[in-house]
């Protein structure tokens, strides 16, 4: 499962975190959740740079990874560049809500 990135995106309150927590446990793959960063830093400001640094570091080391996030165009471009650079296979799931 190395070099596999599972991306779950969607609108706020679409249960992305609930689903990705379940999936992470089910397939034994690490989860990087923006919600967890918000909780850890106690802020409403989106820590995009920190989030990006964390997933980039994991991708550099060929770690399988699950990420949940409502990506904007800037984040999509950055993530696409990293996926290409580190030769990742991506699985994408968009929440229906």
PDB file of N, CA and C in Angstrom:
ATOM      1  N   UNK A   1       0.815  -1.195   0.000  1.00  0.00           N
ATOM      2  CA  UNK A   1       0.000   0.000   0.000  1.00  0.00           C
ATOM      3  C   UNK A   1       0.858   1.258   0.000  1.00  0.00           C
ATOM      4  N   UNK A   2       2.176   1.103   0.062  1.00  0.00           N
ATOM      5  CA  UNK A   2       3.035   2.281  -0.017  1.00  0.00           C
ATOM      6  C   UNK A   2       2.736   3.033  -1.300  1.00  0.00           C
ATOM      7  N   UNK A   3       2.982   4.320  -1.267  1.00  0.00           N
ATOM      8  CA  UNK A   3       2.743   5.213  -2.394  1.00  0.00           C
ATOM      9  C   UNK A   3       1.274   5.228  -2.822  1.00  0.00           C
ATOM     10  N   UNK A   4       0.380   5.052  -1.852  1.00  0.00           N
ATOM     11  CA  UNK A   4      -1.047   5.193  -2.114  1.00  0.00           C
ATOM     12  C   UNK A   4      -1.577   6.334  -1.265  1.00  0.00           C
ATOM     13  N   UNK A   5      -2.273   7.235  -1.920  1.00  0.00           N
ATOM     14  CA  UNK A   5      -2.867   8.383  -1.259  1.00  0.00           C
ATOM     15  C   UNK A   5      -4.369   8.313  -1.466  1.00  0.00           C
ATOM     16  N   UNK A   6      -5.111   8.279  -0.385  1.00  0.00           N
ATOM     17  CA  UNK A   6      -6.565   8.292  -0.453  1.00  0.00           C
ATOM     18  C   UNK A   6      -7.013   9.688  -0.042  1.00  0.00           C
ATOM     19  N   UNK A   7      -7.741  10.344  -0.936  1.00  0.00           N
ATOM     20  CA  UNK A   7      -8.201  11.713  -0.702  1.00  0.00           C
ATOM     21  C   UNK A   7      -9.719  11.688  -0.577  1.00  0.00           C
ATOM     22  N   UNK A   8     -10.211  12.177   0.555  1.00  0.00           N
ATOM     23  CA  UNK A   8     -11.650  12.296   0.760  1.00  0.00           C
ATOM     24  C   UNK A   8     -11.941  13.783   0.886  1.00  0.00           C
ATOM     25  N   UNK A   9     -12.726  14.304  -0.047  1.00  0.00           N
ATOM     26  CA  UNK A   9     -13.023  15.736  -0.015  1.00  0.00           C
ATOM     27  C   UNK A   9     -14.531  15.942  -0.053  1.00  0.00           C
ATOM     28  N   UNK A  10     -14.935  17.129   0.302  1.00  0.00           N
ATOM     29  CA  UNK A  10     -16.351  17.459   0.282  1.00  0.00           C
ATOM     30  C   UNK A  10     -16.640  18.682   1.111  1.00  0.00           C
ATOM     31  N   UNK A  11     -17.906  19.000   1.166  1.00  0.00           N
ATOM     32  CA  UNK A  11     -18.349  20.180   1.889  1.00  0.00           C
ATOM     33  C   UNK A  11     -18.189  19.983   3.403  1.00  0.00           C
ATOM     34  N   UNK A  12     -18.240  21.077   4.115  1.00  0.00           N
ATOM     35  CA  UNK A  12     -18.194  21.023   5.581  1.00  0.00           C
ATOM     36  C   UNK A  12     -19.372  20.204   6.096  1.00  0.00           C
ATOM     37  N   UNK A  13     -19.140  19.476   7.181  1.00  0.00           N
ATOM     38  CA  UNK A  13     -20.162  18.669   7.856  1.00  0.00           C
ATOM     39  C   UNK A  13     -20.687  17.525   6.992  1.00  0.00           C
ATOM     40  N   UNK A  14     -19.859  17.026   6.061  1.00  0.00           N
ATOM     41  CA  UNK A  14     -20.265  15.911   5.193  1.00  0.00           C
ATOM     42  C   UNK A  14     -19.783  14.568   5.744  1.00  0.00           C
ATOM     43  N   UNK A  15     -19.283  14.563   6.971  1.00  0.00           N
ATOM     44  CA  UNK A  15     -18.789  13.358   7.649  1.00  0.00           C
ATOM     45  C   UNK A  15     -17.490  12.802   7.058  1.00  0.00           C
ATOM     46  N   UNK A  16     -16.672  13.679   6.493  1.00  0.00           N
ATOM     47  CA  UNK A  16     -15.368  13.255   5.977  1.00  0.00           C
ATOM     48  C   UNK A  16     -14.494  12.698   7.096  1.00  0.00           C
ATOM     49  N   UNK A  17     -14.471  13.384   8.213  1.00  0.00           N
ATOM     50  CA  UNK A  17     -13.625  12.953   9.329  1.00  0.00           C
ATOM     51  C   UNK A  17     -14.089  11.610   9.875  1.00  0.00           C
ATOM     52  N   UNK A  18     -15.375  11.453  10.062  1.00  0.00           N
ATOM     53  CA  UNK A  18     -15.910  10.188  10.569  1.00  0.00           C
ATOM     54  C   UNK A  18     -15.542   9.044   9.628  1.00  0.00           C
ATOM     55  N   UNK A  19     -15.757   9.245   8.343  1.00  0.00           N
ATOM     56  CA  UNK A  19     -15.443   8.200   7.364  1.00  0.00           C
ATOM     57  C   UNK A  19     -13.946   7.892   7.319  1.00  0.00           C
ATOM     58  N   UNK A  20     -13.113   8.927   7.296  1.00  0.00           N
ATOM     59  CA  UNK A  20     -11.675   8.679   7.181  1.00  0.00           C
ATOM     60  C   UNK A  20     -11.091   8.065   8.447  1.00  0.00           C
ATOM     61  N   UNK A  21     -11.639   8.405   9.615  1.00  0.00           N
ATOM     62  CA  UNK A  21     -11.191   7.746  10.849  1.00  0.00           C
ATOM     63  C   UNK A  21     -11.507   6.252  10.793  1.00  0.00           C
ATOM     64  N   UNK A  22     -12.710   5.933  10.340  1.00  0.00           N
ATOM     65  CA  UNK A  22     -13.102   4.526  10.203  1.00  0.00           C
ATOM     66  C   UNK A  22     -12.194   3.820   9.191  1.00  0.00           C
ATOM     67  N   UNK A  23     -11.987   4.442   8.032  1.00  0.00           N
ATOM     68  CA  UNK A  23     -11.162   3.843   6.985  1.00  0.00           C
ATOM     69  C   UNK A  23      -9.720   3.647   7.441  1.00  0.00           C
ATOM     70  N   UNK A  24      -9.181   4.621   8.132  1.00  0.00           N
ATOM     71  CA  UNK A  24      -7.813   4.542   8.633  1.00  0.00           C
ATOM     72  C   UNK A  24      -7.633   3.323   9.533  1.00  0.00           C
ATOM     73  N   UNK A  25      -8.579   3.114  10.430  1.00  0.00           N
ATOM     74  CA  UNK A  25      -8.517   1.954  11.319  1.00  0.00           C
ATOM     75  C   UNK A  25      -8.723   0.655  10.548  1.00  0.00           C
ATOM     76  N   UNK A  26      -9.623   0.679   9.602  1.00  0.00           N
ATOM     77  CA  UNK A  26      -9.968  -0.528   8.843  1.00  0.00           C
ATOM     78  C   UNK A  26      -8.803  -1.041   7.998  1.00  0.00           C
ATOM     79  N   UNK A  27      -8.063  -0.125   7.356  1.00  0.00           N
ATOM     80  CA  UNK A  27      -6.978  -0.557   6.458  1.00  0.00           C
ATOM     81  C   UNK A  27      -5.588  -0.290   7.039  1.00  0.00           C
ATOM     82  N   UNK A  28      -5.534   0.170   8.279  1.00  0.00           N
ATOM     83  CA  UNK A  28      -4.266   0.424   8.975  1.00  0.00           C
ATOM     84  C   UNK A  28      -3.367   1.390   8.195  1.00  0.00           C
ATOM     85  N   UNK A  29      -3.937   2.496   7.794  1.00  0.00           N
ATOM     86  CA  UNK A  29      -3.176   3.538   7.093  1.00  0.00           C
ATOM     87  C   UNK A  29      -3.296   4.827   7.901  1.00  0.00           C
ATOM     88  N   UNK A  30      -2.226   5.611   7.946  1.00  0.00           N
ATOM     89  CA  UNK A  30      -2.285   6.857   8.710  1.00  0.00           C
ATOM     90  C   UNK A  30      -3.256   7.862   8.095  1.00  0.00           C
ATOM     91  N   UNK A  31      -3.849   8.643   8.973  1.00  0.00           N
ATOM     92  CA  UNK A  31      -4.797   9.683   8.584  1.00  0.00           C
ATOM     93  C   UNK A  31      -4.222  11.035   8.965  1.00  0.00           C
ATOM     94  N   UNK A  32      -4.280  11.959   8.032  1.00  0.00           N
ATOM     95  CA  UNK A  32      -3.924  13.340   8.329  1.00  0.00           C
ATOM     96  C   UNK A  32      -5.193  14.164   8.155  1.00  0.00           C
ATOM     97  N   UNK A  33      -5.684  14.679   9.269  1.00  0.00           N
ATOM     98  CA  UNK A  33      -6.954  15.395   9.282  1.00  0.00           C
ATOM     99  C   UNK A  33      -6.749  16.860   9.638  1.00  0.00           C
ATOM    100  N   UNK A  34      -7.295  17.711   8.814  1.00  0.00           N
ATOM    101  CA  UNK A  34      -7.230  19.138   9.110  1.00  0.00           C
ATOM    102  C   UNK A  34      -7.999  19.441  10.396  1.00  0.00           C
ATOM    103  N   UNK A  35      -9.081  18.701  10.656  1.00  0.00           N
ATOM    104  CA  UNK A  35      -9.843  18.889  11.895  1.00  0.00           C
ATOM    105  C   UNK A  35      -8.967  18.647  13.117  1.00  0.00           C
ATOM    106  N   UNK A  36      -8.111  17.625  13.040  1.00  0.00           N
ATOM    107  CA  UNK A  36      -7.218  17.329  14.164  1.00  0.00           C
ATOM    108  C   UNK A  36      -6.245  18.482  14.409  1.00  0.00           C
ATOM    109  N   UNK A  37      -5.770  19.111  13.345  1.00  0.00           N
ATOM    110  CA  UNK A  37      -4.880  20.269  13.509  1.00  0.00           C
ATOM    111  C   UNK A  37      -5.625  21.438  14.138  1.00  0.00           C
ATOM    112  N   UNK A  38      -6.860  21.659  13.707  1.00  0.00           N
ATOM    113  CA  UNK A  38      -7.659  22.728  14.319  1.00  0.00           C
ATOM    114  C   UNK A  38      -7.811  22.478  15.813  1.00  0.00           C
ATOM    115  N   UNK A  39      -8.112  21.231  16.164  1.00  0.00           N
ATOM    116  CA  UNK A  39      -8.280  20.890  17.585  1.00  0.00           C
ATOM    117  C   UNK A  39      -6.973  21.070  18.354  1.00  0.00           C
ATOM    118  N   UNK A  40      -5.875  20.652  17.760  1.00  0.00           N
ATOM    119  CA  UNK A  40      -4.575  20.721  18.434  1.00  0.00           C
ATOM    120  C   UNK A  40      -4.112  22.153  18.652  1.00  0.00           C
ATOM    121  N   UNK A  41      -4.419  23.038  17.706  1.00  0.00           N
ATOM    122  CA  UNK A  41      -3.929  24.412  17.803  1.00  0.00           C
ATOM    123  C   UNK A  41      -4.976  25.376  18.336  1.00  0.00           C
ATOM    124  N   UNK A  42      -6.200  24.887  18.561  1.00  0.00           N
ATOM    125  CA  UNK A  42      -7.234  25.717  19.165  1.00  0.00           C
ATOM    126  C   UNK A  42      -7.519  26.991  18.410  1.00  0.00           C
ATOM    127  N   UNK A  43      -7.571  26.908  17.114  1.00  0.00           N
ATOM    128  CA  UNK A  43      -7.800  28.103  16.314  1.00  0.00           C
ATOM    129  C   UNK A  43      -8.815  27.826  15.220  1.00  0.00           C
ATOM    130  N   UNK A  44      -9.493  28.862  14.797  1.00  0.00           N
ATOM    131  CA  UNK A  44     -10.409  28.737  13.667  1.00  0.00           C
ATOM    132  C   UNK A  44      -9.690  29.008  12.349  1.00  0.00           C
ATOM    133  N   UNK A  45      -8.488  29.560  12.437  1.00  0.00           N
ATOM    134  CA  UNK A  45      -7.705  29.824  11.227  1.00  0.00           C
ATOM    135  C   UNK A  45      -7.230  28.494  10.655  1.00  0.00           C
ATOM    136  N   UNK A  46      -7.314  28.331   9.358  1.00  0.00           N
ATOM    137  CA  UNK A  46      -6.927  27.075   8.723  1.00  0.00           C
ATOM    138  C   UNK A  46      -5.403  27.030   8.587  1.00  0.00           C
ATOM    139  N   UNK A  47      -4.771  26.084   9.253  1.00  0.00           N
ATOM    140  CA  UNK A  47      -3.299  25.989   9.199  1.00  0.00           C
ATOM    141  C   UNK A  47      -2.821  25.251   7.939  1.00  0.00           C
ATOM    142  N   UNK A  48      -3.120  25.824   6.749  1.00  0.00           N
ATOM    143  CA  UNK A  48      -2.777  25.164   5.490  1.00  0.00           C
ATOM    144  C   UNK A  48      -1.296  24.826   5.377  1.00  0.00           C
ATOM    145  N   UNK A  49      -0.431  25.752   5.752  1.00  0.00           N
ATOM    146  CA  UNK A  49       1.013  25.514   5.604  1.00  0.00           C
ATOM    147  C   UNK A  49       1.457  24.330   6.453  1.00  0.00           C
ATOM    148  N   UNK A  50       0.980  24.262   7.673  1.00  0.00           N
ATOM    149  CA  UNK A  50       1.319  23.141   8.553  1.00  0.00           C
ATOM    150  C   UNK A  50       0.769  21.834   7.990  1.00  0.00           C
ATOM    151  N   UNK A  51      -0.478  21.855   7.544  1.00  0.00           N
ATOM    152  CA  UNK A  51      -1.114  20.679   6.949  1.00  0.00           C
ATOM    153  C   UNK A  51      -0.327  20.206   5.727  1.00  0.00           C
ATOM    154  N   UNK A  52       0.023  21.143   4.863  1.00  0.00           N
ATOM    155  CA  UNK A  52       0.792  20.814   3.657  1.00  0.00           C
ATOM    156  C   UNK A  52       2.162  20.252   4.014  1.00  0.00           C
ATOM    157  N   UNK A  53       2.846  20.836   4.971  1.00  0.00           N
ATOM    158  CA  UNK A  53       4.158  20.329   5.382  1.00  0.00           C
ATOM    159  C   UNK A  53       4.056  18.904   5.903  1.00  0.00           C
ATOM    160  N   UNK A  54       3.006  18.618   6.652  1.00  0.00           N
ATOM    161  CA  UNK A  54       2.848  17.268   7.199  1.00  0.00           C
ATOM    162  C   UNK A  54       2.581  16.246   6.105  1.00  0.00           C
ATOM    163  N   UNK A  55       1.674  16.540   5.170  1.00  0.00           N
ATOM    164  CA  UNK A  55       1.434  15.531   4.140  1.00  0.00           C
ATOM    165  C   UNK A  55       2.589  15.447   3.162  1.00  0.00           C
ATOM    166  N   UNK A  56       3.282  16.531   2.905  1.00  0.00           N
ATOM    167  CA  UNK A  56       4.456  16.454   2.033  1.00  0.00           C
ATOM    168  C   UNK A  56       5.542  15.582   2.663  1.00  0.00           C
ATOM    169  N   UNK A  57       5.785  15.725   3.945  1.00  0.00           N
ATOM    170  CA  UNK A  57       6.780  14.913   4.635  1.00  0.00           C
ATOM    171  C   UNK A  57       6.425  13.424   4.563  1.00  0.00           C
ATOM    172  N   UNK A  58       5.156  13.105   4.737  1.00  0.00           N
ATOM    173  CA  UNK A  58       4.743  11.699   4.662  1.00  0.00           C
ATOM    174  C   UNK A  58       4.903  11.164   3.237  1.00  0.00           C
ATOM    175  N   UNK A  59       4.573  11.980   2.241  1.00  0.00           N
ATOM    176  CA  UNK A  59       4.711  11.538   0.854  1.00  0.00           C
ATOM    177  C   UNK A  59       6.180  11.327   0.481  1.00  0.00           C
ATOM    178  N   UNK A  60       7.058  12.151   0.997  1.00  0.00           N
ATOM    179  CA  UNK A  60       8.494  12.003   0.732  1.00  0.00           C
ATOM    180  C   UNK A  60       9.013  10.648   1.170  1.00  0.00           C
ATOM    181  N   UNK A  61       8.399  10.089   2.213  1.00  0.00           N
ATOM    182  CA  UNK A  61       8.875   8.831   2.772  1.00  0.00           C
ATOM    183  C   UNK A  61       8.034   7.633   2.339  1.00  0.00           C
ATOM    184  N   UNK A  62       7.306   7.784   1.241  1.00  0.00           N
ATOM    185  CA  UNK A  62       6.512   6.700   0.648  1.00  0.00           C
ATOM    186  C   UNK A  62       5.507   6.091   1.605  1.00  0.00           C
ATOM    187  N   UNK A  63       5.000   6.892   2.499  1.00  0.00           N
ATOM    188  CA  UNK A  63       3.999   6.402   3.442  1.00  0.00           C
ATOM    189  C   UNK A  63       2.637   6.375   2.774  1.00  0.00           C
ATOM    190  N   UNK A  64       1.861   5.298   3.005  1.00  0.00           N
ATOM    191  CA  UNK A  64       0.467   5.384   2.580  1.00  0.00           C
ATOM    192  C   UNK A  64      -0.193   6.476   3.409  1.00  0.00           C
ATOM    193  N   UNK A  65      -1.206   7.101   2.875  1.00  0.00           N
ATOM    194  CA  UNK A  65      -1.780   8.237   3.582  1.00  0.00           C
ATOM    195  C   UNK A  65      -3.231   8.432   3.182  1.00  0.00           C
ATOM    196  N   UNK A  66      -4.044   8.801   4.167  1.00  0.00           N
ATOM    197  CA  UNK A  66      -5.428   9.202   3.940  1.00  0.00           C
ATOM    198  C   UNK A  66      -5.525  10.657   4.374  1.00  0.00           C
ATOM    199  N   UNK A  67      -6.088  11.497   3.515  1.00  0.00           N
ATOM    200  CA  UNK A  67      -6.295  12.892   3.891  1.00  0.00           C
ATOM    201  C   UNK A  67      -7.756  13.258   3.649  1.00  0.00           C
ATOM    202  N   UNK A  68      -8.267  14.071   4.538  1.00  0.00           N
ATOM    203  CA  UNK A  68      -9.644  14.549   4.439  1.00  0.00           C
ATOM    204  C   UNK A  68      -9.611  16.067   4.456  1.00  0.00           C
ATOM    205  N   UNK A  69     -10.241  16.653   3.438  1.00  0.00           N
ATOM    206  CA  UNK A  69     -10.160  18.102   3.352  1.00  0.00           C
ATOM    207  C   UNK A  69     -11.050  18.602   2.229  1.00  0.00           C
ATOM    208  N   UNK A  70     -11.606  19.780   2.379  1.00  0.00           N
ATOM    209  CA  UNK A  70     -12.325  20.454   1.305  1.00  0.00           C
ATOM    210  C   UNK A  70     -11.338  21.311   0.537  1.00  0.00           C
ATOM    211  N   UNK A  71     -10.639  20.729  -0.412  1.00  0.00           N
ATOM    212  CA  UNK A  71      -9.529  21.392  -1.092  1.00  0.00           C
ATOM    213  C   UNK A  71      -9.976  22.536  -1.983  1.00  0.00           C
ATOM    214  N   UNK A  72      -9.187  23.614  -1.931  1.00  0.00           N
ATOM    215  CA  UNK A  72      -9.345  24.723  -2.863  1.00  0.00           C
ATOM    216  C   UNK A  72      -8.394  24.506  -4.027  1.00  0.00           C
ATOM    217  N   UNK A  73      -8.481  25.345  -5.042  1.00  0.00           N
ATOM    218  CA  UNK A  73      -7.642  25.175  -6.227  1.00  0.00           C
ATOM    219  C   UNK A  73      -6.153  25.224  -5.923  1.00  0.00           C
ATOM    220  N   UNK A  74      -5.736  26.115  -5.030  1.00  0.00           N
ATOM    221  CA  UNK A  74      -4.312  26.222  -4.699  1.00  0.00           C
ATOM    222  C   UNK A  74      -3.806  24.932  -4.065  1.00  0.00           C
ATOM    223  N   UNK A  75      -4.575  24.370  -3.144  1.00  0.00           N
ATOM    224  CA  UNK A  75      -4.168  23.126  -2.495  1.00  0.00           C
ATOM    225  C   UNK A  75      -4.184  21.957  -3.482  1.00  0.00           C
ATOM    226  N   UNK A  76      -5.149  21.939  -4.408  1.00  0.00           N
ATOM    227  CA  UNK A  76      -5.216  20.877  -5.418  1.00  0.00           C
ATOM    228  C   UNK A  76      -3.958  20.872  -6.272  1.00  0.00           C
ATOM    229  N   UNK A  77      -3.527  22.047  -6.700  1.00  0.00           N
ATOM    230  CA  UNK A  77      -2.329  22.154  -7.545  1.00  0.00           C
ATOM    231  C   UNK A  77      -1.093  21.679  -6.790  1.00  0.00           C
ATOM    232  N   UNK A  78      -0.958  22.090  -5.546  1.00  0.00           N
ATOM    233  CA  UNK A  78       0.186  21.674  -4.729  1.00  0.00           C
ATOM    234  C   UNK A  78       0.178  20.168  -4.524  1.00  0.00           C
ATOM    235  N   UNK A  79      -0.967  19.624  -4.186  1.00  0.00           N
ATOM    236  CA  UNK A  79      -1.074  18.192  -3.951  1.00  0.00           C
ATOM    237  C   UNK A  79      -0.792  17.404  -5.239  1.00  0.00           C
ATOM    238  N   UNK A  80      -1.302  17.878  -6.363  1.00  0.00           N
ATOM    239  CA  UNK A  80      -1.048  17.209  -7.646  1.00  0.00           C
ATOM    240  C   UNK A  80       0.449  17.172  -7.952  1.00  0.00           C
ATOM    241  N   UNK A  81       1.123  18.269  -7.693  1.00  0.00           N
ATOM    242  CA  UNK A  81       2.568  18.340  -7.923  1.00  0.00           C
ATOM    243  C   UNK A  81       3.311  17.317  -7.050  1.00  0.00           C
ATOM    244  N   UNK A  82       2.911  17.212  -5.783  1.00  0.00           N
ATOM    245  CA  UNK A  82       3.553  16.267  -4.868  1.00  0.00           C
ATOM    246  C   UNK A  82       3.267  14.818  -5.265  1.00  0.00           C
ATOM    247  N   UNK A  83       2.048  14.536  -5.654  1.00  0.00           N
ATOM    248  CA  UNK A  83       1.676  13.185  -6.093  1.00  0.00           C
ATOM    249  C   UNK A  83       2.517  12.785  -7.299  1.00  0.00           C
ATOM    250  N   UNK A  84       2.700  13.694  -8.228  1.00  0.00           N
ATOM    251  CA  UNK A  84       3.519  13.422  -9.410  1.00  0.00           C
ATOM    252  C   UNK A  84       4.988  13.258  -9.031  1.00  0.00           C
ATOM    253  N   UNK A  85       5.497  14.140  -8.208  1.00  0.00           N
ATOM    254  CA  UNK A  85       6.911  14.098  -7.797  1.00  0.00           C
ATOM    255  C   UNK A  85       7.262  12.795  -7.100  1.00  0.00           C
ATOM    256  N   UNK A  86       6.392  12.328  -6.211  1.00  0.00           N
ATOM    257  CA  UNK A  86       6.694  11.143  -5.408  1.00  0.00           C
ATOM    258  C   UNK A  86       6.025   9.864  -5.932  1.00  0.00           C
ATOM    259  N   UNK A  87       5.494   9.920  -7.147  1.00  0.00           N
ATOM    260  CA  UNK A  87       4.919   8.760  -7.843  1.00  0.00           C
ATOM    261  C   UNK A  87       3.868   8.028  -7.014  1.00  0.00           C
ATOM    262  N   UNK A  88       2.871   8.769  -6.592  1.00  0.00           N
ATOM    263  CA  UNK A  88       1.783   8.195  -5.807  1.00  0.00           C
ATOM    264  C   UNK A  88       0.609   7.792  -6.686  1.00  0.00           C
ATOM    265  N   UNK A  89      -0.046   6.732  -6.253  1.00  0.00           N
ATOM    266  CA  UNK A  89      -1.318   6.321  -6.830  1.00  0.00           C
ATOM    267  C   UNK A  89      -2.387   6.976  -5.966  1.00  0.00           C
ATOM    268  N   UNK A  90      -3.346   7.653  -6.570  1.00  0.00           N
ATOM    269  CA  UNK A  90      -4.373   8.329  -5.777  1.00  0.00           C
ATOM    270  C   UNK A  90      -5.726   7.642  -5.942  1.00  0.00           C
ATOM    271  N   UNK A  91      -6.445   7.622  -4.841  1.00  0.00           N
ATOM    272  CA  UNK A  91      -7.823   7.160  -4.817  1.00  0.00           C
ATOM    273  C   UNK A  91      -8.617   8.331  -4.267  1.00  0.00           C
ATOM    274  N   UNK A  92      -9.586   8.791  -5.016  1.00  0.00           N
ATOM    275  CA  UNK A  92     -10.342   9.970  -4.598  1.00  0.00           C
ATOM    276  C   UNK A  92     -11.784   9.598  -4.320  1.00  0.00           C
ATOM    277  N   UNK A  93     -12.302  10.183  -3.275  1.00  0.00           N
ATOM    278  CA  UNK A  93     -13.714   9.982  -2.916  1.00  0.00           C
ATOM    279  C   UNK A  93     -14.267  11.326  -2.505  1.00  0.00           C
ATOM    280  N   UNK A  94     -15.298  11.750  -3.199  1.00  0.00           N
ATOM    281  CA  UNK A  94     -15.940  13.010  -2.842  1.00  0.00           C
ATOM    282  C   UNK A  94     -17.229  12.691  -2.101  1.00  0.00           C
ATOM    283  N   UNK A  95     -17.406  13.326  -0.968  1.00  0.00           N
ATOM    284  CA  UNK A  95     -18.627  13.123  -0.176  1.00  0.00           C
ATOM    285  C   UNK A  95     -19.830  13.570  -0.983  1.00  0.00           C
ATOM    286  N   UNK A  96     -20.928  12.824  -0.946  1.00  0.00           N
ATOM    287  CA  UNK A  96     -22.097  13.174  -1.741  1.00  0.00           C
ATOM    288  C   UNK A  96     -22.855  14.398  -1.238  1.00  0.00           C
ATOM    289  N   UNK A  97     -22.614  14.809  -0.010  1.00  0.00           N
ATOM    290  CA  UNK A  97     -23.356  15.951   0.554  1.00  0.00           C
ATOM    291  C   UNK A  97     -22.737  17.267   0.167  1.00  0.00           C
TER     292      UNK A  97
END
